[in-house]
Amino acid sequence: MFIRHPENPLISPQGIAPSRPDFEVIGTFNAGATTLNGETLLLVRVAERPPNDDANFVLCPYIDENGAITLHTIRRDDGDYDTHDPRVIQNKRTGEIWLTSISHLRLARSSDGVHFTIESRPWLRGELPYESFGVEDARITIVEGRFYINYTAVSPLGIATALVSTSDFASKERHGLIFAPANRDVAIFPEKIGGQYRCYHRPMPGGFGRLSIWIASSPDLLHWGDLRLVLESKPGDWEGGRVGGGAPPIKTDYGWLSIYHAADQQQRYCLGAFLTALDAPERLLAHSHRPIFEPDAPYEAHGFFGQVVFTCGAVAQGDTLRLYYGAADEHTALAEASIAEIVRSLDPV
């Protein structure tokens, strides 16, 4: 039901200058999306790394105690390290994890939602101590006239969720962590429901439990509680590995519509949708029992991490949903669909 834009991918690493001359951009993806003064704005995750001419080593960038980016070097033939994932290096003995790139958020602007001008400098970069491996995957929600941007904060302490806000994207206010590790894929609702702010989030349990979507409530967007399960991953199918939030929920006549991501056991990422009650967003009304969008285009099936479509942002224009999504952890692309058609495709629960 989604139609890919013929100019996809809209933003690719080749068109973006790195934040420092000795680095190379390897990913421009998972962008948060909103509109302001007739423009479409994206906060694009820009992943970059130092060029490495020696195949015997992996270079892992991080922010040191002086706030500078430093490189940690790992030998590929070191038996203690698992190097099969191009994104993550893990010490099998200690559990220590390093990333092969470091991400920041870059602002992109467009008058037509298709052709973007990307700023040359980061809009948000990592700070110590909770963001020393970078900041990732922004999601933008307009709440009471202000833009609230939650994002993933990554460090050796774990994967957490932090919050920043702005009125104009020229200045910003950091609010710190709102969910401790390990928690990500937060999607904030654009209005209070029952006197409380709400968000979907994805705790990452170890040992027990599955990677599923939960809901939380807050009086102030900073302190979250009243936690409840909303959508559980299902072993053995396209949601067998995990499910997690995507673009912030969209208010429709049918209920709150959420586009989310799911991965199977082979790490193939697809998108689905679910509908919840307007007055009780923890109550699931309908759900897609099969993907509504799959990684079929060449730029989705092949790339830095292939077989991936992943969204952090969408813009509703009447019945049209403009979905901005990451393709193969490398590009930003656009697809459009009818909101009514998405809702009609869902199976009641």
Protein backbone atom coordinates (compact mmCIF):
# COMPACT_ATOMS: atom_id res chain seq x y z
CA MET A 1 0.00 0.00 0.00
CA PHE A 2 3.03 2.30 0.33
CA ILE A 3 4.36 3.91 -2.83
CA ARG A 4 8.08 4.64 -2.82
CA HIS A 5 9.12 8.04 -4.08
CA PRO A 6 10.74 7.78 -7.52
CA GLU A 7 13.71 9.90 -6.38
CA ASN A 8 14.62 7.52 -3.54
CA PRO A 9 16.90 7.48 -1.73
CA LEU A 10 16.50 11.15 -0.83
CA ILE A 11 19.59 11.45 1.38
CA SER A 12 22.69 9.27 1.10
CA PRO A 13 26.13 9.32 2.73
CA GLN A 14 27.81 10.38 -0.49
CA GLY A 15 26.06 13.75 -0.34
CA ILE A 16 26.96 14.62 3.26
CA ALA A 17 30.20 16.15 4.50
CA PRO A 18 31.59 14.53 7.68
CA SER A 19 31.75 16.56 10.88
CA ARG A 20 35.56 16.36 10.77
CA PRO A 21 37.80 16.03 7.71
CA ASP A 22 39.49 12.79 8.74
CA PHE A 23 36.18 10.90 8.99
CA GLU A 24 33.85 9.44 6.36
CA VAL A 25 30.03 9.36 6.49
CA ILE A 26 28.66 5.82 6.19
CA GLY A 27 25.01 6.34 7.11
CA THR A 28 22.30 9.00 6.80
CA PHE A 29 19.16 7.31 8.11
CA ASN A 30 16.43 6.93 10.77
CA ALA A 31 15.34 10.57 10.62
CA GLY A 32 12.78 12.22 12.85
CA ALA A 33 10.33 14.35 10.84
CA THR A 34 8.14 17.39 11.41
CA THR A 35 6.99 20.61 9.71
CA LEU A 36 7.67 24.25 10.59
CA ASN A 37 6.76 27.42 8.67
CA GLY A 38 5.89 25.52 5.51
CA GLU A 39 9.07 23.44 5.52
CA THR A 40 9.62 19.76 6.22
CA LEU A 41 12.39 19.30 8.76
CA LEU A 42 14.33 16.10 9.36
CA LEU A 43 16.77 15.30 12.12
CA VAL A 44 18.91 12.76 10.30
CA ARG A 45 21.13 10.30 12.08
CA VAL A 46 24.58 10.76 10.52
CA ALA A 47 26.91 7.85 11.26
CA GLU A 48 30.58 8.40 10.56
CA ARG A 49 33.85 6.62 11.16
CA PRO A 50 37.58 7.03 10.56
CA PRO A 51 38.80 5.49 7.28
CA ASN A 52 40.61 2.23 7.95
CA ASP A 53 43.13 0.91 5.43
CA ASP A 54 44.21 -2.03 7.55
CA ALA A 55 41.80 -4.97 7.34
CA ASN A 56 43.44 -6.58 10.38
CA PHE A 57 42.01 -3.98 12.75
CA VAL A 58 38.65 -2.47 13.67
CA LEU A 59 38.62 1.18 14.76
CA CYS A 60 35.92 2.14 17.26
CA PRO A 61 35.33 5.87 17.86
CA TYR A 62 34.15 7.24 21.20
CA ILE A 63 34.03 10.53 23.12
CA ASP A 64 36.77 10.64 25.76
CA GLU A 65 36.84 12.46 29.10
CA ASN A 66 37.97 15.67 27.36
CA GLY A 67 35.01 15.64 25.00
CA ALA A 68 37.15 14.70 21.99
CA ILE A 69 36.55 11.73 19.69
CA THR A 70 39.20 9.07 20.29
CA LEU A 71 39.74 5.70 18.61
CA HIS A 72 39.82 2.30 20.29
CA THR A 73 41.62 -0.34 18.22
CA ILE A 74 40.64 -4.03 18.17
CA ARG A 75 42.42 -6.80 16.27
CA ARG A 76 40.10 -8.86 14.08
CA ASP A 77 42.00 -12.05 14.95
CA ASP A 78 41.53 -11.48 18.69
CA GLY A 79 39.47 -14.53 19.69
CA ASP A 80 37.83 -12.65 22.54
CA TYR A 81 35.87 -10.43 20.11
CA ASP A 82 32.87 -11.18 17.92
CA THR A 83 33.29 -9.06 14.78
CA HIS A 84 30.58 -10.55 12.50
CA ASP A 85 28.21 -7.57 12.89
CA PRO A 86 29.60 -4.55 10.97
CA ARG A 87 27.92 -2.21 13.48
CA VAL A 88 28.90 -3.69 16.85
CA ILE A 89 31.97 -5.40 18.28
CA GLN A 90 31.51 -7.43 21.47
CA ASN A 91 34.00 -9.00 23.82
CA LYS A 92 32.65 -12.54 24.26
CA ARG A 93 34.45 -12.96 27.55
CA THR A 94 33.56 -9.72 29.35
CA GLY A 95 30.46 -8.59 27.41
CA GLU A 96 32.10 -5.23 26.67
CA ILE A 97 30.65 -3.59 23.53
CA TRP A 98 32.12 -1.10 21.06
CA LEU A 99 30.55 0.56 18.03
CA THR A 100 32.32 0.84 14.69
CA SER A 101 30.84 4.30 14.02
CA ILE A 102 29.67 7.28 16.02
CA SER A 103 26.42 9.10 15.25
CA HIS A 104 25.12 12.64 15.64
CA LEU A 105 21.91 14.37 14.54
CA ARG A 106 21.98 16.70 11.52
CA LEU A 107 19.17 19.09 10.54
CA ALA A 108 17.78 18.89 6.99
CA ARG A 109 15.23 21.30 5.45
CA SER A 110 12.94 21.03 2.43
CA SER A 111 10.21 23.17 0.87
CA ASP A 112 8.66 20.17 -0.92
CA GLY A 113 9.46 17.30 1.47
CA VAL A 114 11.64 15.64 -1.17
CA HIS A 115 14.70 17.80 -1.94
CA PHE A 116 16.61 18.53 1.26
CA THR A 117 19.38 20.92 2.19
CA ILE A 118 21.46 19.40 4.98
CA GLU A 119 23.29 21.61 7.43
CA SER A 120 27.06 21.21 7.47
CA ARG A 121 27.41 20.92 11.24
CA PRO A 122 25.74 18.61 13.79
CA TRP A 123 22.51 19.84 15.34
CA LEU A 124 23.08 17.56 18.34
CA ARG A 125 26.19 15.58 19.22
CA GLY A 126 27.00 13.27 22.11
CA GLU A 127 28.03 14.50 25.53
CA LEU A 128 29.49 12.66 28.52
CA PRO A 129 28.76 10.50 30.35
CA TYR A 130 25.67 8.92 28.78
CA GLU A 131 26.34 9.64 25.08
CA SER A 132 30.01 8.76 24.59
CA PHE A 133 29.13 6.34 21.76
CA GLY A 134 26.88 8.93 20.11
CA VAL A 135 23.24 9.96 19.73
CA GLU A 136 20.84 8.16 17.42
CA ASP A 137 17.31 7.83 16.03
CA ALA A 138 15.51 11.07 16.85
CA ARG A 139 11.72 11.19 17.06
CA ILE A 140 10.02 14.59 16.99
CA THR A 141 6.66 15.35 18.61
CA ILE A 142 4.94 18.74 18.77
CA VAL A 143 3.48 19.12 22.27
CA GLU A 144 1.67 22.33 23.18
CA GLY A 145 3.47 24.26 20.44
CA ARG A 146 6.99 23.09 21.31
CA PHE A 147 9.05 20.43 19.56
CA TYR A 148 10.16 17.60 21.85
CA ILE A 149 12.85 15.34 20.43
CA ASN A 150 13.64 12.08 22.17
CA TYR A 151 16.65 10.14 20.99
CA THR A 152 18.80 7.16 21.83
CA ALA A 153 21.82 7.92 24.01
CA VAL A 154 24.54 5.27 23.73
CA SER A 155 27.54 4.73 26.00
CA PRO A 156 29.36 1.89 27.79
CA LEU A 157 26.72 2.38 30.50
CA GLY A 158 24.03 1.14 28.12
CA ILE A 159 21.35 2.24 25.68
CA ALA A 160 19.17 4.95 27.23
CA THR A 161 16.63 7.53 26.03
CA ALA A 162 17.19 11.28 26.37
CA LEU A 163 15.09 14.34 25.60
CA VAL A 164 15.76 17.76 24.07
CA SER A 165 13.26 20.46 23.10
CA THR A 166 13.17 23.52 20.86
CA SER A 167 10.75 26.14 19.61
CA ASP A 168 12.56 26.94 16.36
CA PHE A 169 15.42 24.44 15.84
CA ALA A 170 17.83 27.37 16.20
CA SER A 171 18.22 26.95 19.96
CA LYS A 172 17.56 23.91 22.12
CA GLU A 173 17.23 22.80 25.73
CA ARG A 174 18.56 19.48 26.97
CA HIS A 175 16.37 17.69 29.54
CA GLY A 176 18.64 14.69 30.18
CA LEU A 177 17.74 11.02 30.36
CA ILE A 178 14.08 10.08 30.61
CA PHE A 179 14.55 6.28 30.49
CA ALA A 180 17.53 4.44 31.95
CA PRO A 181 19.26 1.56 30.13
CA ALA A 182 18.23 -0.52 28.47
CA ASN A 183 15.32 1.27 26.84
CA ARG A 184 14.81 2.79 23.39
CA ASP A 185 12.31 3.40 20.55
CA VAL A 186 10.37 5.96 22.57
CA ALA A 187 7.45 7.59 20.70
CA ILE A 188 5.73 10.48 22.52
CA PHE A 189 2.06 11.32 21.95
CA PRO A 190 1.30 14.89 20.79
CA GLU A 191 -1.23 15.64 23.54
CA LYS A 192 -2.22 14.69 27.06
CA ILE A 193 -4.64 11.79 27.45
CA GLY A 194 -6.55 11.56 30.72
CA GLY A 195 -4.48 14.41 32.10
CA GLN A 196 -1.16 12.65 31.46
CA TYR A 197 1.47 12.67 28.74
CA ARG A 198 1.94 9.26 27.18
CA CYS A 199 4.65 7.47 25.23
CA TYR A 200 5.38 4.08 23.79
CA HIS A 201 8.79 2.62 24.61
CA ARG A 202 10.71 -0.61 24.25
CA PRO A 203 12.48 -2.02 27.32
CA MET A 204 15.25 -4.51 26.50
CA PRO A 205 15.03 -7.30 29.08
CA GLY A 206 17.82 -9.80 29.50
CA GLY A 207 17.14 -13.44 30.32
CA PHE A 208 13.38 -13.14 30.75
CA GLY A 209 10.84 -11.49 28.49
CA ARG A 210 10.69 -10.42 24.88
CA LEU A 211 11.51 -7.18 23.06
CA SER A 212 8.02 -5.68 23.03
CA ILE A 213 6.26 -2.28 22.99
CA TRP A 214 5.09 -0.83 26.31
CA ILE A 215 3.29 2.39 27.26
CA ALA A 216 4.18 4.84 30.03
CA SER A 217 2.56 7.97 31.53
CA SER A 218 4.09 11.21 32.79
CA PRO A 219 2.91 14.45 34.42
CA ASP A 220 5.76 16.49 32.87
CA LEU A 221 7.43 14.52 30.00
CA LEU A 222 10.39 13.84 32.32
CA HIS A 223 9.21 11.36 34.96
CA TRP A 224 7.56 8.23 33.57
CA GLY A 225 5.58 5.45 35.23
CA ASP A 226 2.30 3.49 35.04
CA LEU A 227 3.98 0.97 32.71
CA ARG A 228 1.88 -1.48 30.66
CA LEU A 229 2.47 -3.91 27.82
CA VAL A 230 0.87 -2.95 24.49
CA LEU A 231 2.28 -5.13 21.69
CA GLU A 232 4.34 -8.27 22.24
CA SER A 233 6.75 -9.80 19.74
CA LYS A 234 5.70 -13.21 18.41
CA PRO A 235 8.26 -16.00 18.07
CA GLY A 236 8.55 -17.65 14.70
CA ASP A 237 7.20 -14.99 12.35
CA TRP A 238 8.15 -11.57 10.95
CA GLU A 239 7.96 -10.17 14.50
CA GLY A 240 9.87 -13.06 16.03
CA GLY A 241 13.02 -11.13 16.95
CA ARG A 242 11.61 -7.86 18.27
CA VAL A 243 9.06 -5.11 17.87
CA GLY A 244 9.68 -1.44 18.62
CA GLY A 245 8.18 1.99 18.20
CA GLY A 246 8.55 3.93 14.97
CA ALA A 247 7.12 7.35 14.15
CA PRO A 248 5.21 9.12 16.95
CA PRO A 249 1.52 8.15 17.12
CA ILE A 250 -0.83 9.90 14.71
CA LYS A 251 -4.31 10.95 15.85
CA THR A 252 -7.00 9.81 13.41
CA ASP A 253 -10.77 9.42 13.44
CA TYR A 254 -10.22 5.70 13.91
CA GLY A 255 -7.86 5.91 16.92
CA TRP A 256 -4.15 6.44 17.49
CA LEU A 257 -2.27 5.03 14.49
CA SER A 258 1.29 3.86 15.06
CA ILE A 259 3.77 2.66 12.46
CA TYR A 260 6.29 0.38 14.14
CA HIS A 261 9.22 -1.80 13.17
CA ALA A 262 9.66 -5.53 13.66
CA ALA A 263 12.56 -7.88 13.02
CA ASP A 264 12.55 -11.63 12.54
CA GLN A 265 15.17 -14.06 13.82
CA GLN A 266 17.32 -13.36 10.74
CA GLN A 267 17.38 -9.60 11.50
CA ARG A 268 15.17 -8.65 8.54
CA TYR A 269 13.38 -5.44 9.50
CA CYS A 270 9.86 -4.66 8.24
CA LEU A 271 7.19 -2.15 9.22
CA GLY A 272 3.76 -2.83 10.64
CA ALA A 273 0.92 -0.73 12.06
CA PHE A 274 -1.41 -0.87 15.03
CA LEU A 275 -4.39 1.16 16.24
CA THR A 276 -5.22 2.02 19.85
CA ALA A 277 -8.16 3.76 21.50
CA LEU A 278 -8.06 7.57 21.55
CA ASP A 279 -8.97 7.74 25.25
CA ALA A 280 -6.95 4.67 26.29
CA PRO A 281 -3.85 4.24 24.09
CA GLU A 282 -2.82 1.15 26.03
CA ARG A 283 -5.88 -0.63 24.56
CA LEU A 284 -5.06 -2.30 21.27
CA LEU A 285 -7.90 -2.15 18.69
CA ALA A 286 -6.28 -3.54 15.55
CA HIS A 287 -2.89 -4.77 14.37
CA SER A 288 -1.21 -5.78 11.12
CA HIS A 289 -0.61 -9.52 11.17
CA ARG A 290 1.71 -9.21 8.17
CA PRO A 291 4.14 -6.43 7.19
CA ILE A 292 2.73 -3.32 5.54
CA PHE A 293 6.17 -2.34 4.20
CA GLU A 294 9.13 -4.63 3.49
CA PRO A 295 12.75 -4.14 2.34
CA ASP A 296 12.31 -4.95 -1.34
CA ALA A 297 14.00 -2.06 -3.20
CA PRO A 298 17.73 -2.48 -3.93
CA TYR A 299 18.70 0.38 -1.58
CA GLU A 300 16.73 -1.37 1.21
CA ALA A 301 17.89 -4.92 0.58
CA HIS A 302 21.57 -4.01 0.17
CA GLY A 303 23.70 -1.51 2.07
CA PHE A 304 25.60 -1.10 5.29
CA PHE A 305 23.13 -3.46 7.02
CA GLY A 306 20.81 -4.87 4.37
CA GLN A 307 17.21 -6.09 4.55
CA VAL A 308 16.15 -3.14 6.72
CA VAL A 309 13.39 -0.54 6.58
CA PHE A 310 13.07 1.46 9.80
CA THR A 311 11.09 4.62 10.53
CA CYS A 312 11.43 7.34 13.16
CA GLY A 313 9.31 10.01 11.48
CA ALA A 314 6.17 10.57 9.42
CA VAL A 315 4.16 13.60 8.37
CA ALA A 316 0.38 13.40 7.92
CA GLN A 317 -1.14 15.62 5.22
CA GLY A 318 -4.87 14.99 5.18
CA ASP A 319 -5.32 11.30 4.38
CA THR A 320 -1.75 10.98 3.06
CA LEU A 321 0.99 9.68 5.32
CA ARG A 322 4.49 10.66 4.21
CA LEU A 323 6.79 8.10 5.79
CA TYR A 324 10.47 8.96 6.08
CA TYR A 325 12.46 5.82 6.72
CA GLY A 326 15.95 4.44 7.00
CA ALA A 327 16.98 1.97 4.30
CA ALA A 328 19.68 -0.63 4.98
CA ASP A 329 21.08 1.55 7.81
CA GLU A 330 22.52 3.77 5.08
CA HIS A 331 19.97 6.03 3.35
CA THR A 332 16.91 8.16 4.07
CA ALA A 333 13.96 7.41 1.79
CA LEU A 334 10.30 8.37 1.44
CA ALA A 335 7.13 6.38 0.87
CA GLU A 336 3.48 7.48 0.90
CA ALA A 337 0.23 5.74 1.72
CA SER A 338 -3.40 6.49 2.50
CA ILE A 339 -4.07 6.54 6.25
CA ALA A 340 -7.56 5.11 5.67
CA GLU A 341 -6.10 2.30 3.59
CA ILE A 342 -3.57 1.46 6.31
CA VAL A 343 -6.35 1.31 8.90
CA ARG A 344 -8.53 -0.88 6.65
CA SER A 345 -5.65 -3.33 6.27
CA LEU A 346 -5.44 -3.98 10.02
CA ASP A 347 -6.95 -7.01 11.70
CA PRO A 348 -9.15 -6.36 14.77
CA VAL A 349 -7.83 -7.87 17.99
